[in-house]
Amino acid sequence: MKISKKNAFELWEMAYGDQTYAEDFDGGLMYKFAYGQSDYFEYHSGQKVYCGWNIHHILPKACGGTNAVENLMCTNIITNECAGDKVS
């Protein structure tokens, strides 16, 4: 799967259906319409919460992973940055 905004939204819909908010594998909050937005925040229960998301490779490309759908997942951008090239 080519990583593009269109395909990212298809991946979101496969994982979360028509939900507007979801949590990634590490509990990071994601807002469906904040794909690729590294500076997107919302307020929840009086706290400023980062909600931008992108596509994460379960087996990183640096470790031989591919862009196959089964190797991709939606993650909060901070979660993805922290994961780096670690296998999720």
PDB file of N, CA and C in Angstrom:
ATOM      1  N   MET A   1       0.855  -1.177   0.000  1.00  0.00           N
ATOM      2  CA  MET A   1       0.000   0.000   0.000  1.00  0.00           C
ATOM      3  C   MET A   1       0.896   1.234   0.000  1.00  0.00           C
ATOM      4  N   LYS A   2       0.669   2.105  -0.928  1.00  0.00           N
ATOM      5  CA  LYS A   2       1.409   3.353  -0.965  1.00  0.00           C
ATOM      6  C   LYS A   2       0.935   4.225   0.195  1.00  0.00           C
ATOM      7  N   ILE A   3       1.884   4.847   0.893  1.00  0.00           N
ATOM      8  CA  ILE A   3       1.511   5.728   1.997  1.00  0.00           C
ATOM      9  C   ILE A   3       1.076   7.068   1.394  1.00  0.00           C
ATOM     10  N   SER A   4      -0.207   7.339   1.499  1.00  0.00           N
ATOM     11  CA  SER A   4      -0.785   8.593   1.020  1.00  0.00           C
ATOM     12  C   SER A   4      -1.943   8.936   1.953  1.00  0.00           C
ATOM     13  N   LYS A   5      -2.407  10.163   1.882  1.00  0.00           N
ATOM     14  CA  LYS A   5      -3.525  10.568   2.745  1.00  0.00           C
ATOM     15  C   LYS A   5      -4.750   9.707   2.463  1.00  0.00           C
ATOM     16  N   LYS A   6      -5.034   9.473   1.201  1.00  0.00           N
ATOM     17  CA  LYS A   6      -6.191   8.652   0.823  1.00  0.00           C
ATOM     18  C   LYS A   6      -6.072   7.246   1.426  1.00  0.00           C
ATOM     19  N   ASN A   7      -4.917   6.634   1.282  1.00  0.00           N
ATOM     20  CA  ASN A   7      -4.725   5.281   1.810  1.00  0.00           C
ATOM     21  C   ASN A   7      -4.689   5.262   3.331  1.00  0.00           C
ATOM     22  N   ALA A   8      -4.196   6.343   3.931  1.00  0.00           N
ATOM     23  CA  ALA A   8      -4.200   6.430   5.392  1.00  0.00           C
ATOM     24  C   ALA A   8      -5.634   6.408   5.910  1.00  0.00           C
ATOM     25  N   PHE A   9      -6.523   7.143   5.253  1.00  0.00           N
ATOM     26  CA  PHE A   9      -7.928   7.148   5.676  1.00  0.00           C
ATOM     27  C   PHE A   9      -8.583   5.784   5.434  1.00  0.00           C
ATOM     28  N   GLU A  10      -8.178   5.089   4.393  1.00  0.00           N
ATOM     29  CA  GLU A  10      -8.693   3.730   4.167  1.00  0.00           C
ATOM     30  C   GLU A  10      -8.226   2.810   5.292  1.00  0.00           C
ATOM     31  N   LEU A  11      -6.965   2.941   5.708  1.00  0.00           N
ATOM     32  CA  LEU A  11      -6.440   2.136   6.809  1.00  0.00           C
ATOM     33  C   LEU A  11      -7.196   2.460   8.101  1.00  0.00           C
ATOM     34  N   TRP A  12      -7.460   3.757   8.337  1.00  0.00           N
ATOM     35  CA  TRP A  12      -8.234   4.163   9.516  1.00  0.00           C
ATOM     36  C   TRP A  12      -9.598   3.468   9.494  1.00  0.00           C
ATOM     37  N   GLU A  13     -10.274   3.522   8.364  1.00  0.00           N
ATOM     38  CA  GLU A  13     -11.614   2.938   8.276  1.00  0.00           C
ATOM     39  C   GLU A  13     -11.587   1.427   8.469  1.00  0.00           C
ATOM     40  N   MET A  14     -10.537   0.757   7.994  1.00  0.00           N
ATOM     41  CA  MET A  14     -10.420  -0.689   8.213  1.00  0.00           C
ATOM     42  C   MET A  14     -10.245  -0.987   9.704  1.00  0.00           C
ATOM     43  N   ALA A  15      -9.511  -0.132  10.409  1.00  0.00           N
ATOM     44  CA  ALA A  15      -9.234  -0.367  11.829  1.00  0.00           C
ATOM     45  C   ALA A  15     -10.322   0.168  12.759  1.00  0.00           C
ATOM     46  N   TYR A  16     -10.881   1.338  12.437  1.00  0.00           N
ATOM     47  CA  TYR A  16     -11.770   2.025  13.375  1.00  0.00           C
ATOM     48  C   TYR A  16     -13.149   2.363  12.820  1.00  0.00           C
ATOM     49  N   GLY A  17     -13.430   1.944  11.591  1.00  0.00           N
ATOM     50  CA  GLY A  17     -14.730   2.255  11.010  1.00  0.00           C
ATOM     51  C   GLY A  17     -14.917   3.753  10.868  1.00  0.00           C
ATOM     52  N   ASP A  18     -16.092   4.247  11.255  1.00  0.00           N
ATOM     53  CA  ASP A  18     -16.356   5.677  11.103  1.00  0.00           C
ATOM     54  C   ASP A  18     -16.144   6.465  12.395  1.00  0.00           C
ATOM     55  N   GLN A  19     -15.406   5.873  13.351  1.00  0.00           N
ATOM     56  CA  GLN A  19     -15.094   6.591  14.589  1.00  0.00           C
ATOM     57  C   GLN A  19     -14.275   7.845  14.276  1.00  0.00           C
ATOM     58  N   THR A  20     -14.551   8.907  14.990  1.00  0.00           N
ATOM     59  CA  THR A  20     -13.807  10.151  14.807  1.00  0.00           C
ATOM     60  C   THR A  20     -12.548  10.165  15.667  1.00  0.00           C
ATOM     61  N   TYR A  21     -12.582   9.505  16.814  1.00  0.00           N
ATOM     62  CA  TYR A  21     -11.433   9.407  17.716  1.00  0.00           C
ATOM     63  C   TYR A  21     -11.120   7.937  17.959  1.00  0.00           C
ATOM     64  N   ALA A  22      -9.843   7.650  18.168  1.00  0.00           N
ATOM     65  CA  ALA A  22      -9.416   6.288  18.504  1.00  0.00           C
ATOM     66  C   ALA A  22      -8.111   6.383  19.281  1.00  0.00           C
ATOM     67  N   GLU A  23      -7.770   5.307  19.982  1.00  0.00           N
ATOM     68  CA  GLU A  23      -6.493   5.227  20.673  1.00  0.00           C
ATOM     69  C   GLU A  23      -5.590   4.260  19.927  1.00  0.00           C
ATOM     70  N   ASP A  24      -4.302   4.608  19.841  1.00  0.00           N
ATOM     71  CA  ASP A  24      -3.348   3.708  19.194  1.00  0.00           C
ATOM     72  C   ASP A  24      -2.923   2.607  20.167  1.00  0.00           C
ATOM     73  N   PHE A  25      -1.983   1.750  19.755  1.00  0.00           N
ATOM     74  CA  PHE A  25      -1.579   0.603  20.565  1.00  0.00           C
ATOM     75  C   PHE A  25      -0.925   0.999  21.887  1.00  0.00           C
ATOM     76  N   ASP A  26      -0.497   2.261  22.013  1.00  0.00           N
ATOM     77  CA  ASP A  26       0.143   2.734  23.243  1.00  0.00           C
ATOM     78  C   ASP A  26      -0.775   3.663  24.036  1.00  0.00           C
ATOM     79  N   GLY A  27      -2.017   3.792  23.604  1.00  0.00           N
ATOM     80  CA  GLY A  27      -2.979   4.643  24.299  1.00  0.00           C
ATOM     81  C   GLY A  27      -3.000   6.086  23.834  1.00  0.00           C
ATOM     82  N   GLY A  28      -2.211   6.411  22.796  1.00  0.00           N
ATOM     83  CA  GLY A  28      -2.204   7.773  22.268  1.00  0.00           C
ATOM     84  C   GLY A  28      -3.495   8.078  21.537  1.00  0.00           C
ATOM     85  N   LEU A  29      -4.086   9.222  21.843  1.00  0.00           N
ATOM     86  CA  LEU A  29      -5.348   9.617  21.222  1.00  0.00           C
ATOM     87  C   LEU A  29      -5.104  10.112  19.802  1.00  0.00           C
ATOM     88  N   MET A  30      -5.982   9.724  18.891  1.00  0.00           N
ATOM     89  CA  MET A  30      -5.901  10.161  17.500  1.00  0.00           C
ATOM     90  C   MET A  30      -7.250  10.726  17.080  1.00  0.00           C
ATOM     91  N   TYR A  31      -7.211  11.817  16.340  1.00  0.00           N
ATOM     92  CA  TYR A  31      -8.404  12.431  15.759  1.00  0.00           C
ATOM     93  C   TYR A  31      -8.356  12.163  14.265  1.00  0.00           C
ATOM     94  N   LYS A  32      -9.383  11.524  13.746  1.00  0.00           N
ATOM     95  CA  LYS A  32      -9.395  11.077  12.354  1.00  0.00           C
ATOM     96  C   LYS A  32      -8.944  12.149  11.367  1.00  0.00           C
ATOM     97  N   PHE A  33      -9.362  13.371  11.554  1.00  0.00           N
ATOM     98  CA  PHE A  33      -9.087  14.413  10.575  1.00  0.00           C
ATOM     99  C   PHE A  33      -7.797  15.172  10.861  1.00  0.00           C
ATOM    100  N   ALA A  34      -6.946  14.624  11.741  1.00  0.00           N
ATOM    101  CA  ALA A  34      -5.647  15.239  12.037  1.00  0.00           C
ATOM    102  C   ALA A  34      -4.509  14.403  11.465  1.00  0.00           C
ATOM    103  N   TYR A  35      -4.771  13.662  10.391  1.00  0.00           N
ATOM    104  CA  TYR A  35      -3.723  12.855   9.766  1.00  0.00           C
ATOM    105  C   TYR A  35      -2.570  13.751   9.313  1.00  0.00           C
ATOM    106  N   GLY A  36      -1.361  13.387   9.709  1.00  0.00           N
ATOM    107  CA  GLY A  36      -0.155  14.101   9.302  1.00  0.00           C
ATOM    108  C   GLY A  36       0.056  15.449   9.961  1.00  0.00           C
ATOM    109  N   GLN A  37      -0.790  15.814  10.896  1.00  0.00           N
ATOM    110  CA  GLN A  37      -0.698  17.127  11.541  1.00  0.00           C
ATOM    111  C   GLN A  37       0.097  17.008  12.838  1.00  0.00           C
ATOM    112  N   SER A  38       1.353  17.382  12.771  1.00  0.00           N
ATOM    113  CA  SER A  38       2.233  17.236  13.931  1.00  0.00           C
ATOM    114  C   SER A  38       1.974  18.273  15.018  1.00  0.00           C
ATOM    115  N   ASP A  39       1.084  19.211  14.774  1.00  0.00           N
ATOM    116  CA  ASP A  39       0.804  20.244  15.767  1.00  0.00           C
ATOM    117  C   ASP A  39      -0.682  20.322  16.131  1.00  0.00           C
ATOM    118  N   TYR A  40      -1.405  19.199  16.003  1.00  0.00           N
ATOM    119  CA  TYR A  40      -2.848  19.218  16.267  1.00  0.00           C
ATOM    120  C   TYR A  40      -3.132  18.792  17.712  1.00  0.00           C
ATOM    121  N   PHE A  41      -3.788  19.675  18.458  1.00  0.00           N
ATOM    122  CA  PHE A  41      -4.166  19.415  19.846  1.00  0.00           C
ATOM    123  C   PHE A  41      -5.659  19.663  20.022  1.00  0.00           C
ATOM    124  N   GLU A  42      -6.238  18.985  20.992  1.00  0.00           N
ATOM    125  CA  GLU A  42      -7.609  19.252  21.419  1.00  0.00           C
ATOM    126  C   GLU A  42      -7.616  19.244  22.938  1.00  0.00           C
ATOM    127  N   TYR A  43      -8.664  19.819  23.504  1.00  0.00           N
ATOM    128  CA  TYR A  43      -8.804  19.821  24.954  1.00  0.00           C
ATOM    129  C   TYR A  43      -9.810  18.758  25.363  1.00  0.00           C
ATOM    130  N   HIS A  44      -9.398  17.872  26.256  1.00  0.00           N
ATOM    131  CA  HIS A  44     -10.255  16.828  26.811  1.00  0.00           C
ATOM    132  C   HIS A  44     -10.140  16.870  28.317  1.00  0.00           C
ATOM    133  N   SER A  45     -11.273  17.003  28.990  1.00  0.00           N
ATOM    134  CA  SER A  45     -11.317  17.075  30.452  1.00  0.00           C
ATOM    135  C   SER A  45     -10.369  18.156  30.973  1.00  0.00           C
ATOM    136  N   GLY A  46     -10.303  19.280  30.262  1.00  0.00           N
ATOM    137  CA  GLY A  46      -9.486  20.398  30.699  1.00  0.00           C
ATOM    138  C   GLY A  46      -8.004  20.270  30.389  1.00  0.00           C
ATOM    139  N   GLN A  47      -7.599  19.185  29.731  1.00  0.00           N
ATOM    140  CA  GLN A  47      -6.190  18.991  29.416  1.00  0.00           C
ATOM    141  C   GLN A  47      -5.961  19.081  27.912  1.00  0.00           C
ATOM    142  N   LYS A  48      -4.842  19.670  27.545  1.00  0.00           N
ATOM    143  CA  LYS A  48      -4.461  19.775  26.142  1.00  0.00           C
ATOM    144  C   LYS A  48      -3.874  18.425  25.723  1.00  0.00           C
ATOM    145  N   VAL A  49      -4.489  17.786  24.727  1.00  0.00           N
ATOM    146  CA  VAL A  49      -4.098  16.446  24.303  1.00  0.00           C
ATOM    147  C   VAL A  49      -3.690  16.471  22.834  1.00  0.00           C
ATOM    148  N   TYR A  50      -2.504  15.910  22.551  1.00  0.00           N
ATOM    149  CA  TYR A  50      -2.007  15.834  21.184  1.00  0.00           C
ATOM    150  C   TYR A  50      -2.749  14.722  20.450  1.00  0.00           C
ATOM    151  N   CYS A  51      -3.291  14.997  19.247  1.00  0.00           N
ATOM    152  CA  CYS A  51      -4.137  14.036  18.541  1.00  0.00           C
ATOM    153  C   CYS A  51      -3.721  13.761  17.099  1.00  0.00           C
ATOM    154  N   GLY A  52      -2.597  14.295  16.627  1.00  0.00           N
ATOM    155  CA  GLY A  52      -2.161  14.037  15.266  1.00  0.00           C
ATOM    156  C   GLY A  52      -1.737  12.582  15.108  1.00  0.00           C
ATOM    157  N   TRP A  53      -1.902  12.040  13.917  1.00  0.00           N
ATOM    158  CA  TRP A  53      -1.546  10.633  13.698  1.00  0.00           C
ATOM    159  C   TRP A  53      -0.941  10.450  12.311  1.00  0.00           C
ATOM    160  N   ASN A  54      -0.270   9.318  12.156  1.00  0.00           N
ATOM    161  CA  ASN A  54       0.268   8.933  10.862  1.00  0.00           C
ATOM    162  C   ASN A  54       0.333   7.409  10.783  1.00  0.00           C
ATOM    163  N   ILE A  55       1.035   6.902   9.799  1.00  0.00           N
ATOM    164  CA  ILE A  55       1.110   5.458   9.588  1.00  0.00           C
ATOM    165  C   ILE A  55       2.405   4.912  10.189  1.00  0.00           C
ATOM    166  N   HIS A  56       2.269   3.855  10.939  1.00  0.00           N
ATOM    167  CA  HIS A  56       3.391   3.195  11.603  1.00  0.00           C
ATOM    168  C   HIS A  56       3.623   1.827  10.966  1.00  0.00           C
ATOM    169  N   HIS A  57       4.892   1.491  10.751  1.00  0.00           N
ATOM    170  CA  HIS A  57       5.257   0.156  10.253  1.00  0.00           C
ATOM    171  C   HIS A  57       5.489  -0.761  11.458  1.00  0.00           C
ATOM    172  N   ILE A  58       4.744  -1.845  11.555  1.00  0.00           N
ATOM    173  CA  ILE A  58       4.887  -2.787  12.668  1.00  0.00           C
ATOM    174  C   ILE A  58       6.299  -3.371  12.654  1.00  0.00           C
ATOM    175  N   LEU A  59       6.723  -3.877  11.512  1.00  0.00           N
ATOM    176  CA  LEU A  59       8.115  -4.272  11.309  1.00  0.00           C
ATOM    177  C   LEU A  59       8.726  -3.125  10.507  1.00  0.00           C
ATOM    178  N   PRO A  60       9.579  -2.315  11.134  1.00  0.00           N
ATOM    179  CA  PRO A  60      10.121  -1.140  10.450  1.00  0.00           C
ATOM    180  C   PRO A  60      10.780  -1.471   9.115  1.00  0.00           C
ATOM    181  N   LYS A  61      10.712  -0.530   8.211  1.00  0.00           N
ATOM    182  CA  LYS A  61      11.347  -0.719   6.909  1.00  0.00           C
ATOM    183  C   LYS A  61      12.847  -0.972   7.087  1.00  0.00           C
ATOM    184  N   ALA A  62      13.460  -0.357   8.090  1.00  0.00           N
ATOM    185  CA  ALA A  62      14.889  -0.549   8.356  1.00  0.00           C
ATOM    186  C   ALA A  62      15.210  -1.987   8.758  1.00  0.00           C
ATOM    187  N   CYS A  63      14.191  -2.719   9.174  1.00  0.00           N
ATOM    188  CA  CYS A  63      14.363  -4.125   9.587  1.00  0.00           C
ATOM    189  C   CYS A  63      13.769  -5.083   8.555  1.00  0.00           C
ATOM    190  N   GLY A  64      13.481  -4.585   7.367  1.00  0.00           N
ATOM    191  CA  GLY A  64      12.937  -5.441   6.310  1.00  0.00           C
ATOM    192  C   GLY A  64      11.438  -5.364   6.133  1.00  0.00           C
ATOM    193  N   GLY A  65      10.761  -4.497   6.880  1.00  0.00           N
ATOM    194  CA  GLY A  65       9.308  -4.359   6.756  1.00  0.00           C
ATOM    195  C   GLY A  65       8.920  -3.723   5.432  1.00  0.00           C
ATOM    196  N   THR A  66       7.682  -3.937   5.050  1.00  0.00           N
ATOM    197  CA  THR A  66       7.168  -3.402   3.790  1.00  0.00           C
ATOM    198  C   THR A  66       5.960  -2.508   4.047  1.00  0.00           C
ATOM    199  N   ASN A  67       5.400  -1.987   2.981  1.00  0.00           N
ATOM    200  CA  ASN A  67       4.175  -1.193   3.058  1.00  0.00           C
ATOM    201  C   ASN A  67       2.937  -2.053   2.858  1.00  0.00           C
ATOM    202  N   ALA A  68       3.046  -3.355   3.078  1.00  0.00           N
ATOM    203  CA  ALA A  68       1.878  -4.233   2.987  1.00  0.00           C
ATOM    204  C   ALA A  68       0.889  -3.844   4.083  1.00  0.00           C
ATOM    205  N   VAL A  69      -0.379  -3.886   3.771  1.00  0.00           N
ATOM    206  CA  VAL A  69      -1.424  -3.474   4.712  1.00  0.00           C
ATOM    207  C   VAL A  69      -1.254  -4.141   6.078  1.00  0.00           C
ATOM    208  N   GLU A  70      -0.914  -5.439   6.084  1.00  0.00           N
ATOM    209  CA  GLU A  70      -0.789  -6.144   7.365  1.00  0.00           C
ATOM    210  C   GLU A  70       0.411  -5.678   8.187  1.00  0.00           C
ATOM    211  N   ASN A  71       1.284  -4.831   7.619  1.00  0.00           N
ATOM    212  CA  ASN A  71       2.437  -4.302   8.349  1.00  0.00           C
ATOM    213  C   ASN A  71       2.236  -2.836   8.745  1.00  0.00           C
ATOM    214  N   LEU A  72       1.058  -2.309   8.511  1.00  0.00           N
ATOM    215  CA  LEU A  72       0.797  -0.894   8.780  1.00  0.00           C
ATOM    216  C   LEU A  72      -0.307  -0.725   9.815  1.00  0.00           C
ATOM    217  N   MET A  73      -0.165   0.343  10.607  1.00  0.00           N
ATOM    218  CA  MET A  73      -1.229   0.695  11.554  1.00  0.00           C
ATOM    219  C   MET A  73      -1.219   2.197  11.782  1.00  0.00           C
ATOM    220  N   CYS A  74      -2.369   2.706  12.173  1.00  0.00           N
ATOM    221  CA  CYS A  74      -2.498   4.116  12.516  1.00  0.00           C
ATOM    222  C   CYS A  74      -1.935   4.312  13.924  1.00  0.00           C
ATOM    223  N   THR A  75      -1.107   5.353  14.099  1.00  0.00           N
ATOM    224  CA  THR A  75      -0.593   5.666  15.429  1.00  0.00           C
ATOM    225  C   THR A  75      -0.494   7.168  15.613  1.00  0.00           C
ATOM    226  N   ASN A  76      -0.611   7.569  16.856  1.00  0.00           N
ATOM    227  CA  ASN A  76      -0.355   8.944  17.230  1.00  0.00           C
ATOM    228  C   ASN A  76       1.080   9.251  16.794  1.00  0.00           C
ATOM    229  N   ILE A  77       1.327  10.434  16.269  1.00  0.00           N
ATOM    230  CA  ILE A  77       2.656  10.763  15.765  1.00  0.00           C
ATOM    231  C   ILE A  77       3.714  10.647  16.860  1.00  0.00           C
ATOM    232  N   ILE A  78       3.390  11.052  18.075  1.00  0.00           N
ATOM    233  CA  ILE A  78       4.360  10.940  19.170  1.00  0.00           C
ATOM    234  C   ILE A  78       4.689   9.474  19.432  1.00  0.00           C
ATOM    235  N   THR A  79       3.686   8.606  19.440  1.00  0.00           N
ATOM    236  CA  THR A  79       3.918   7.176  19.622  1.00  0.00           C
ATOM    237  C   THR A  79       4.839   6.657  18.531  1.00  0.00           C
ATOM    238  N   ASN A  80       4.576   7.052  17.300  1.00  0.00           N
ATOM    239  CA  ASN A  80       5.379   6.591  16.167  1.00  0.00           C
ATOM    240  C   ASN A  80       6.823   7.067  16.296  1.00  0.00           C
ATOM    241  N   GLU A  81       7.022   8.308  16.686  1.00  0.00           N
ATOM    242  CA  GLU A  81       8.377   8.834  16.853  1.00  0.00           C
ATOM    243  C   GLU A  81       9.118   8.102  17.964  1.00  0.00           C
ATOM    244  N   CYS A  82       8.433   7.798  19.054  1.00  0.00           N
ATOM    245  CA  CYS A  82       9.062   7.075  20.175  1.00  0.00           C
ATOM    246  C   CYS A  82       9.417   5.646  19.776  1.00  0.00           C
ATOM    247  N   ALA A  83       8.590   5.027  18.941  1.00  0.00           N
ATOM    248  CA  ALA A  83       8.834   3.656  18.518  1.00  0.00           C
ATOM    249  C   ALA A  83      10.061   3.589  17.613  1.00  0.00           C
ATOM    250  N   GLY A  84      10.268   4.603  16.801  1.00  0.00           N
ATOM    251  CA  GLY A  84      11.420   4.628  15.907  1.00  0.00           C
ATOM    252  C   GLY A  84      11.527   3.344  15.080  1.00  0.00           C
ATOM    253  N   ASP A  85      12.681   2.714  15.087  1.00  0.00           N
ATOM    254  CA  ASP A  85      12.895   1.485  14.332  1.00  0.00           C
ATOM    255  C   ASP A  85      12.738   0.228  15.193  1.00  0.00           C
ATOM    256  N   LYS A  86      12.048   0.361  16.330  1.00  0.00           N
ATOM    257  CA  LYS A  86      11.769  -0.825  17.163  1.00  0.00           C
ATOM    258  C   LYS A  86      10.614  -1.599  16.550  1.00  0.00           C
ATOM    259  N   VAL A  87      10.646  -2.902  16.696  1.00  0.00           N
ATOM    260  CA  VAL A  87       9.549  -3.743  16.224  1.00  0.00           C
ATOM    261  C   VAL A  87       8.407  -3.614  17.208  1.00  0.00           C
ATOM    262  N   SER A  88       7.197  -3.312  16.685  1.00  0.00           N
ATOM    263  CA  SER A  88       6.031  -3.117  17.551  1.00  0.00           C
ATOM    264  C   SER A  88       5.278  -4.426  17.723  1.00  0.00           C
TER     265      SER A  88
END
